Amino acid sequence: MSEASRLKATVYVGGLDTAVTSQILHAAFVPFGEIVEVNLPKPELPSNKDPHRGFGYVEFEHAADAKEAIDNMDQSELFGRVIKVAAAKPQKDANEGLGSKTAVWEQESYLAKYAVSEEDRLAAEAQNNAADDTPMDPMQGLEGLDEAGPKPA
């Protein structure tokens, strides 16, 4: 199965109670179709109190089953908590966006969007240098200010 079709057949389940296990999640979603995999991401700093991060993913065999699960389970209650069920989004690269260890202006996506070609940079530099060569008139823009009072209409 291609990555895109796997993503279409996967749902995000958020707002899970800490008591929810992958078996419980599987049992809650199996009425909507054949389940390929249930994934409950572990916290970055493992603890006995939080066995997972409060959300999970359920991958179905068919995308239609995932849509059916979203339609029926979103805003439903599981273990006393209202859960959010939505289509899963592709995982962002850990080196992209805010929170990465690379400066935003050094990331490929930023450079692709805001990069200036060498030719344009040199042209702008030449224009700035040309403007710097001519002395600035300190009185420029002050024309007509030599008279006090309201201006005649």
N, C-alpha and C. Protein backbone atom coordinates (compact mmCIF):
# COMPACT_ATOMS: atom_id res chain seq x y z
N MET A 1 0.86 -1.17 0.00
CA MET A 1 0.00 0.00 0.00
C MET A 1 0.90 1.23 0.00
N SER A 2 0.58 2.21 -0.85
CA SER A 2 1.41 3.42 -0.94
C SER A 2 1.23 4.26 0.32
N GLU A 3 2.19 5.16 0.53
CA GLU A 3 2.15 6.02 1.73
C GLU A 3 0.92 6.91 1.74
N ALA A 4 0.54 7.43 0.57
CA ALA A 4 -0.63 8.32 0.49
C ALA A 4 -1.92 7.56 0.79
N SER A 5 -2.06 6.35 0.27
CA SER A 5 -3.29 5.60 0.55
C SER A 5 -3.32 5.10 1.99
N ARG A 6 -2.13 4.82 2.57
CA ARG A 6 -2.08 4.45 3.99
C ARG A 6 -2.54 5.61 4.85
N LEU A 7 -2.13 6.82 4.48
CA LEU A 7 -2.50 8.01 5.24
C LEU A 7 -4.01 8.24 5.17
N LYS A 8 -4.60 8.03 4.01
CA LYS A 8 -6.04 8.22 3.85
C LYS A 8 -6.83 7.21 4.67
N ALA A 9 -6.24 6.05 4.94
CA ALA A 9 -6.92 5.01 5.70
C ALA A 9 -6.58 5.08 7.19
N THR A 10 -5.88 6.13 7.62
CA THR A 10 -5.48 6.26 9.02
C THR A 10 -6.22 7.41 9.67
N VAL A 11 -6.69 7.19 10.90
CA VAL A 11 -7.38 8.25 11.65
C VAL A 11 -6.57 8.59 12.90
N TYR A 12 -6.63 9.86 13.27
CA TYR A 12 -6.03 10.36 14.50
C TYR A 12 -7.11 10.31 15.57
N VAL A 13 -6.76 9.82 16.75
CA VAL A 13 -7.70 9.77 17.87
C VAL A 13 -7.05 10.52 19.02
N GLY A 14 -7.63 11.67 19.39
CA GLY A 14 -7.05 12.50 20.44
C GLY A 14 -7.93 12.58 21.66
N GLY A 15 -7.35 13.03 22.77
CA GLY A 15 -8.09 13.19 24.02
C GLY A 15 -8.28 11.88 24.77
N LEU A 16 -7.36 10.95 24.58
CA LEU A 16 -7.50 9.63 25.21
C LEU A 16 -7.12 9.66 26.69
N ASP A 17 -7.85 8.92 27.48
CA ASP A 17 -7.54 8.73 28.89
C ASP A 17 -6.30 7.84 29.00
N THR A 18 -5.54 7.98 30.08
CA THR A 18 -4.33 7.18 30.24
C THR A 18 -4.63 5.69 30.38
N ALA A 19 -5.86 5.34 30.73
CA ALA A 19 -6.22 3.93 30.89
C ALA A 19 -6.46 3.23 29.56
N VAL A 20 -6.58 4.00 28.48
CA VAL A 20 -6.85 3.40 27.16
C VAL A 20 -5.58 2.71 26.65
N THR A 21 -5.74 1.47 26.23
CA THR A 21 -4.63 0.70 25.66
C THR A 21 -4.89 0.50 24.17
N SER A 22 -3.91 -0.05 23.48
CA SER A 22 -4.09 -0.31 22.05
C SER A 22 -5.19 -1.35 21.82
N GLN A 23 -5.33 -2.30 22.75
CA GLN A 23 -6.40 -3.30 22.62
C GLN A 23 -7.78 -2.65 22.75
N ILE A 24 -7.91 -1.71 23.68
CA ILE A 24 -9.19 -1.00 23.87
C ILE A 24 -9.50 -0.15 22.65
N LEU A 25 -8.50 0.53 22.13
CA LEU A 25 -8.69 1.35 20.94
C LEU A 25 -9.08 0.47 19.74
N HIS A 26 -8.45 -0.67 19.62
CA HIS A 26 -8.78 -1.62 18.54
C HIS A 26 -10.23 -2.06 18.67
N ALA A 27 -10.64 -2.41 19.87
CA ALA A 27 -12.02 -2.86 20.09
C ALA A 27 -13.03 -1.76 19.81
N ALA A 28 -12.68 -0.51 20.09
CA ALA A 28 -13.60 0.61 19.87
C ALA A 28 -13.79 0.90 18.38
N PHE A 29 -12.77 0.63 17.58
CA PHE A 29 -12.83 1.01 16.16
C PHE A 29 -13.06 -0.17 15.21
N VAL A 30 -12.98 -1.40 15.69
CA VAL A 30 -13.15 -2.56 14.81
C VAL A 30 -14.56 -2.64 14.17
N PRO A 31 -15.61 -2.08 14.77
CA PRO A 31 -16.91 -2.15 14.09
C PRO A 31 -16.95 -1.42 12.74
N PHE A 32 -15.98 -0.56 12.48
CA PHE A 32 -16.01 0.23 11.24
C PHE A 32 -15.23 -0.40 10.11
N GLY A 33 -14.47 -1.45 10.37
CA GLY A 33 -13.75 -2.13 9.31
C GLY A 33 -12.51 -2.82 9.83
N GLU A 34 -11.85 -3.51 8.92
CA GLU A 34 -10.64 -4.26 9.25
C GLU A 34 -9.51 -3.30 9.62
N ILE A 35 -8.90 -3.51 10.79
CA ILE A 35 -7.84 -2.64 11.28
C ILE A 35 -6.49 -3.28 10.98
N VAL A 36 -5.59 -2.49 10.38
CA VAL A 36 -4.25 -2.95 10.06
C VAL A 36 -3.33 -2.77 11.26
N GLU A 37 -3.42 -1.57 11.89
CA GLU A 37 -2.50 -1.28 12.99
C GLU A 37 -3.09 -0.22 13.92
N VAL A 38 -2.79 -0.33 15.21
CA VAL A 38 -3.14 0.67 16.21
C VAL A 38 -1.83 1.14 16.83
N ASN A 39 -1.64 2.45 16.88
CA ASN A 39 -0.38 2.99 17.39
C ASN A 39 -0.68 4.05 18.45
N LEU A 40 -0.15 3.87 19.65
CA LEU A 40 -0.23 4.85 20.73
C LEU A 40 1.18 5.35 21.02
N PRO A 41 1.55 6.54 20.51
CA PRO A 41 2.92 7.03 20.72
C PRO A 41 3.25 7.18 22.20
N LYS A 42 4.44 6.75 22.56
CA LYS A 42 4.91 6.83 23.94
C LYS A 42 5.41 8.25 24.22
N PRO A 43 5.34 8.70 25.50
CA PRO A 43 5.88 10.03 25.83
C PRO A 43 7.40 10.05 25.65
N GLU A 44 7.93 11.25 25.39
CA GLU A 44 9.37 11.37 25.18
C GLU A 44 10.14 11.02 26.45
N LEU A 45 9.60 11.41 27.60
CA LEU A 45 10.20 11.03 28.88
C LEU A 45 9.27 10.01 29.53
N PRO A 46 9.62 8.72 29.44
CA PRO A 46 8.72 7.68 29.95
C PRO A 46 8.47 7.83 31.46
N SER A 47 7.22 7.60 31.84
CA SER A 47 6.86 7.61 33.26
C SER A 47 5.79 6.56 33.49
N ASN A 48 5.62 6.18 34.73
CA ASN A 48 4.60 5.19 35.07
C ASN A 48 3.21 5.78 34.98
N LYS A 49 3.13 7.10 35.16
CA LYS A 49 1.83 7.77 35.18
C LYS A 49 1.21 7.86 33.79
N ASP A 50 2.02 8.13 32.76
CA ASP A 50 1.52 8.31 31.40
C ASP A 50 2.07 7.24 30.47
N PRO A 51 1.28 6.19 30.19
CA PRO A 51 1.76 5.14 29.28
C PRO A 51 1.79 5.58 27.82
N HIS A 52 1.03 6.63 27.46
CA HIS A 52 1.05 7.18 26.11
C HIS A 52 0.82 8.68 26.18
N ARG A 53 0.86 9.34 25.04
CA ARG A 53 0.81 10.81 25.00
C ARG A 53 -0.60 11.37 24.92
N GLY A 54 -1.62 10.56 25.04
CA GLY A 54 -3.00 11.05 25.03
C GLY A 54 -3.64 11.04 23.66
N PHE A 55 -2.94 10.49 22.68
CA PHE A 55 -3.52 10.35 21.35
C PHE A 55 -2.97 9.09 20.70
N GLY A 56 -3.60 8.69 19.62
CA GLY A 56 -3.15 7.50 18.90
C GLY A 56 -3.61 7.54 17.46
N TYR A 57 -3.20 6.52 16.72
CA TYR A 57 -3.57 6.39 15.31
C TYR A 57 -4.13 5.00 15.07
N VAL A 58 -5.19 4.95 14.29
CA VAL A 58 -5.79 3.68 13.91
C VAL A 58 -5.76 3.61 12.39
N GLU A 59 -5.06 2.59 11.85
CA GLU A 59 -4.97 2.43 10.41
C GLU A 59 -5.93 1.33 9.97
N PHE A 60 -6.81 1.67 9.06
CA PHE A 60 -7.79 0.72 8.53
C PHE A 60 -7.28 0.13 7.22
N GLU A 61 -7.90 -0.97 6.81
CA GLU A 61 -7.58 -1.61 5.55
C GLU A 61 -8.02 -0.73 4.38
N HIS A 62 -9.17 -0.06 4.51
CA HIS A 62 -9.72 0.76 3.42
C HIS A 62 -9.99 2.18 3.92
N ALA A 63 -9.81 3.16 3.03
CA ALA A 63 -10.02 4.57 3.37
C ALA A 63 -11.49 4.84 3.71
N ALA A 64 -12.41 4.12 3.09
CA ALA A 64 -13.84 4.31 3.37
C ALA A 64 -14.16 3.94 4.82
N ASP A 65 -13.48 2.94 5.35
CA ASP A 65 -13.68 2.55 6.75
C ASP A 65 -13.20 3.66 7.69
N ALA A 66 -12.09 4.30 7.33
CA ALA A 66 -11.56 5.40 8.14
C ALA A 66 -12.55 6.57 8.15
N LYS A 67 -13.13 6.87 7.00
CA LYS A 67 -14.11 7.96 6.92
C LYS A 67 -15.34 7.63 7.77
N GLU A 68 -15.77 6.39 7.73
CA GLU A 68 -16.91 5.94 8.54
C GLU A 68 -16.60 6.07 10.04
N ALA A 69 -15.39 5.73 10.43
CA ALA A 69 -14.99 5.84 11.84
C ALA A 69 -14.97 7.30 12.28
N ILE A 70 -14.49 8.19 11.41
CA ILE A 70 -14.47 9.62 11.74
C ILE A 70 -15.89 10.13 11.93
N ASP A 71 -16.77 9.78 10.98
CA ASP A 71 -18.16 10.24 11.04
C ASP A 71 -18.88 9.78 12.31
N ASN A 72 -18.58 8.57 12.76
CA ASN A 72 -19.30 8.00 13.89
C ASN A 72 -18.63 8.22 15.25
N MET A 73 -17.31 8.35 15.29
CA MET A 73 -16.62 8.39 16.58
C MET A 73 -16.16 9.77 17.02
N ASP A 74 -16.11 10.75 16.10
CA ASP A 74 -15.67 12.08 16.49
C ASP A 74 -16.65 12.66 17.52
N GLN A 75 -16.11 13.21 18.60
CA GLN A 75 -16.87 13.80 19.70
C GLN A 75 -17.67 12.75 20.50
N SER A 76 -17.28 11.48 20.38
CA SER A 76 -17.93 10.46 21.20
C SER A 76 -17.15 10.33 22.51
N GLU A 77 -17.64 9.49 23.41
CA GLU A 77 -17.01 9.35 24.72
C GLU A 77 -16.34 7.99 24.84
N LEU A 78 -15.11 8.00 25.37
CA LEU A 78 -14.37 6.77 25.61
C LEU A 78 -13.68 6.92 26.96
N PHE A 79 -14.00 6.05 27.88
CA PHE A 79 -13.47 6.09 29.25
C PHE A 79 -13.75 7.43 29.92
N GLY A 80 -14.94 7.96 29.69
CA GLY A 80 -15.36 9.19 30.35
C GLY A 80 -14.79 10.47 29.75
N ARG A 81 -14.10 10.36 28.63
CA ARG A 81 -13.53 11.55 27.99
C ARG A 81 -14.02 11.65 26.55
N VAL A 82 -14.31 12.88 26.13
CA VAL A 82 -14.74 13.12 24.76
C VAL A 82 -13.50 13.06 23.88
N ILE A 83 -13.55 12.21 22.86
CA ILE A 83 -12.39 12.04 21.99
C ILE A 83 -12.58 12.78 20.67
N LYS A 84 -11.47 13.16 20.09
CA LYS A 84 -11.45 13.82 18.78
C LYS A 84 -10.94 12.80 17.78
N VAL A 85 -11.72 12.56 16.73
CA VAL A 85 -11.31 11.63 15.69
C VAL A 85 -11.30 12.38 14.37
N ALA A 86 -10.15 12.38 13.70
CA ALA A 86 -10.00 13.11 12.44
C ALA A 86 -9.04 12.35 11.53
N ALA A 87 -9.01 12.77 10.28
CA ALA A 87 -8.07 12.17 9.33
C ALA A 87 -6.65 12.49 9.78
N ALA A 88 -5.77 11.51 9.70
CA ALA A 88 -4.38 11.71 10.12
C ALA A 88 -3.66 12.58 9.09
N LYS A 89 -2.76 13.41 9.58
CA LYS A 89 -1.96 14.27 8.70
C LYS A 89 -0.55 13.70 8.61
N PRO A 90 0.13 13.99 7.52
CA PRO A 90 1.50 13.46 7.40
C PRO A 90 2.39 14.03 8.49
N GLN A 91 3.31 13.23 8.97
CA GLN A 91 4.21 13.65 10.03
C GLN A 91 5.22 14.64 9.47
N LYS A 92 5.43 15.73 10.20
CA LYS A 92 6.40 16.73 9.77
C LYS A 92 7.80 16.23 10.07
N ASP A 93 8.70 16.65 9.23
CA ASP A 93 10.10 16.33 9.43
C ASP A 93 10.58 17.01 10.71
N ALA A 94 11.31 16.30 11.53
CA ALA A 94 11.78 16.85 12.82
C ALA A 94 12.74 18.01 12.60
N ASN A 95 13.31 18.13 11.41
CA ASN A 95 14.25 19.20 11.13
C ASN A 95 13.59 20.39 10.46
N GLU A 96 12.26 20.41 10.37
CA GLU A 96 11.55 21.49 9.71
C GLU A 96 10.59 22.16 10.68
N GLY A 97 10.34 23.44 10.47
CA GLY A 97 9.35 24.16 11.25
C GLY A 97 9.85 24.59 12.61
N LEU A 98 8.95 25.15 13.38
CA LEU A 98 9.30 25.60 14.72
C LEU A 98 9.55 24.39 15.61
N GLY A 99 10.46 24.51 16.51
CA GLY A 99 10.76 23.42 17.42
C GLY A 99 11.90 22.54 16.94
N SER A 100 12.39 22.78 15.73
CA SER A 100 13.50 21.97 15.25
C SER A 100 14.81 22.55 15.80
N LYS A 101 15.87 21.81 15.63
CA LYS A 101 17.16 22.25 16.12
C LYS A 101 17.93 23.05 15.07
N THR A 102 17.29 23.31 13.93
CA THR A 102 17.89 24.09 12.85
C THR A 102 17.19 25.44 12.79
N ALA A 103 17.94 26.50 12.61
CA ALA A 103 17.35 27.83 12.50
C ALA A 103 16.37 27.86 11.32
N VAL A 104 15.28 28.59 11.48
CA VAL A 104 14.25 28.64 10.46
C VAL A 104 14.83 29.09 9.12
N TRP A 105 15.71 30.08 9.13
CA TRP A 105 16.24 30.62 7.87
C TRP A 105 17.25 29.69 7.21
N GLU A 106 17.63 28.60 7.89
CA GLU A 106 18.53 27.62 7.28
C GLU A 106 17.79 26.39 6.77
N GLN A 107 16.49 26.32 6.98
CA GLN A 107 15.72 25.16 6.57
C GLN A 107 15.37 25.24 5.09
N GLU A 108 15.28 24.09 4.45
CA GLU A 108 15.02 24.01 3.01
C GLU A 108 13.71 24.69 2.63
N SER A 109 12.65 24.48 3.40
CA SER A 109 11.36 25.07 3.04
C SER A 109 11.41 26.59 3.09
N TYR A 110 12.11 27.16 4.05
CA TYR A 110 12.25 28.62 4.15
C TYR A 110 13.06 29.15 2.98
N LEU A 111 14.17 28.46 2.68
CA LEU A 111 15.03 28.90 1.59
C LEU A 111 14.30 28.84 0.25
N ALA A 112 13.51 27.79 0.07
CA ALA A 112 12.77 27.66 -1.19
C ALA A 112 11.76 28.79 -1.35
N LYS A 113 11.19 29.24 -0.24
CA LYS A 113 10.16 30.27 -0.31
C LYS A 113 10.75 31.68 -0.38
N TYR A 114 11.83 31.93 0.36
CA TYR A 114 12.34 33.29 0.49
C TYR A 114 13.72 33.53 -0.11
N ALA A 115 14.30 32.54 -0.74
CA ALA A 115 15.65 32.70 -1.26
C ALA A 115 15.68 33.72 -2.38
N VAL A 116 16.75 34.48 -2.41
CA VAL A 116 16.96 35.49 -3.44
C VAL A 116 18.12 35.01 -4.30
N SER A 117 17.96 35.09 -5.61
CA SER A 117 19.03 34.62 -6.48
C SER A 117 20.25 35.54 -6.33
N GLU A 118 21.41 35.02 -6.64
CA GLU A 118 22.65 35.78 -6.54
C GLU A 118 22.60 37.00 -7.44
N GLU A 119 22.00 36.84 -8.63
CA GLU A 119 21.88 37.95 -9.58
C GLU A 119 21.05 39.10 -8.98
N ASP A 120 19.91 38.77 -8.35
CA ASP A 120 19.07 39.79 -7.74
C ASP A 120 19.77 40.47 -6.56
N ARG A 121 20.50 39.70 -5.77
CA ARG A 121 21.21 40.24 -4.62
C ARG A 121 22.28 41.22 -5.08
N LEU A 122 23.02 40.87 -6.14
CA LEU A 122 24.07 41.75 -6.65
C LEU A 122 23.47 43.04 -7.24
N ALA A 123 22.34 42.92 -7.92
CA ALA A 123 21.68 44.10 -8.48
C ALA A 123 21.22 45.04 -7.37
N ALA A 124 20.64 44.51 -6.30
CA ALA A 124 20.19 45.33 -5.17
C ALA A 124 21.38 45.99 -4.48
N GLU A 125 22.48 45.26 -4.36
CA GLU A 125 23.69 45.79 -3.75
C GLU A 125 24.25 46.94 -4.58
N ALA A 126 24.26 46.78 -5.91
CA ALA A 126 24.76 47.82 -6.81
C ALA A 126 23.89 49.07 -6.71
N GLN A 127 22.59 48.88 -6.63
CA GLN A 127 21.66 50.01 -6.51
C GLN A 127 21.90 50.76 -5.19
N ASN A 128 22.08 50.04 -4.11
CA ASN A 128 22.36 50.66 -2.81
C ASN A 128 23.68 51.42 -2.83
N ASN A 129 24.70 50.84 -3.48
CA ASN A 129 26.00 51.49 -3.56
C ASN A 129 25.91 52.77 -4.39
N ALA A 130 25.12 52.74 -5.48
CA ALA A 130 24.96 53.92 -6.32
C ALA A 130 24.27 55.04 -5.52
N ALA A 131 23.29 54.67 -4.71
CA ALA A 131 22.58 55.65 -3.90
C ALA A 131 23.49 56.21 -2.82
N ASP A 132 24.42 55.42 -2.34
CA ASP A 132 25.34 55.87 -1.28
C ASP A 132 26.37 56.86 -1.82
N ASP A 133 26.68 56.80 -3.14
CA ASP A 133 27.70 57.67 -3.72
C ASP A 133 27.24 59.12 -3.80
N THR A 134 25.95 59.36 -4.03
CA THR A 134 25.46 60.74 -4.13
C THR A 134 25.19 61.26 -2.73
N PRO A 135 25.68 62.47 -2.43
CA PRO A 135 25.46 62.98 -1.08
C PRO A 135 23.99 63.33 -0.85
N MET A 136 23.53 63.06 0.34
CA MET A 136 22.14 63.31 0.71
C MET A 136 21.98 64.78 1.08
N ASP A 137 20.99 65.44 0.51
CA ASP A 137 20.71 66.84 0.81
C ASP A 137 19.92 66.89 2.12
N PRO A 138 20.46 67.48 3.18
CA PRO A 138 19.75 67.49 4.46
C PRO A 138 18.46 68.32 4.42
N MET A 139 18.31 69.17 3.43
CA MET A 139 17.12 70.02 3.34
C MET A 139 16.05 69.43 2.43
N GLN A 140 16.33 68.29 1.85
CA GLN A 140 15.37 67.69 0.92
C GLN A 140 14.10 67.29 1.67
N GLY A 141 12.96 67.62 1.09
CA GLY A 141 11.68 67.29 1.70
C GLY A 141 11.16 68.35 2.62
N LEU A 142 11.89 69.45 2.79
CA LEU A 142 11.47 70.51 3.69
C LEU A 142 10.92 71.73 2.93
N GLU A 143 10.72 71.58 1.62
CA GLU A 143 10.23 72.69 0.82
C GLU A 143 8.87 73.14 1.34
N GLY A 144 8.66 74.46 1.38
CA GLY A 144 7.38 74.99 1.78
C GLY A 144 7.20 75.09 3.28
N LEU A 145 8.18 74.74 4.04
CA LEU A 145 8.07 74.82 5.49
C LEU A 145 8.67 76.13 6.04
N ASP A 146 9.04 77.02 5.15
CA ASP A 146 9.67 78.26 5.59
C ASP A 146 8.65 79.30 6.05
N GLU A 147 7.36 79.01 5.87
CA GLU A 147 6.31 79.93 6.30
C GLU A 147 5.47 79.28 7.37
N ALA A 148 5.21 80.01 8.43
CA ALA A 148 4.39 79.50 9.53
C ALA A 148 2.92 79.76 9.24
N GLY A 149 2.06 79.03 9.90
CA GLY A 149 0.62 79.27 9.80
C GLY A 149 -0.05 78.35 8.80
N PRO A 150 -1.38 78.50 8.72
CA PRO A 150 -2.13 77.63 7.81
C PRO A 150 -1.83 77.96 6.36
N LYS A 151 -1.92 76.97 5.53
CA LYS A 151 -1.67 77.17 4.10
C LYS A 151 -2.95 77.67 3.45
N PRO A 152 -2.80 78.60 2.54
CA PRO A 152 -4.01 79.11 1.85
C PRO A 152 -4.60 78.03 0.93
N ALA A 153 -5.91 78.03 0.85
CA ALA A 153 -6.58 77.01 0.05
C ALA A 153 -6.70 77.35 -1.39
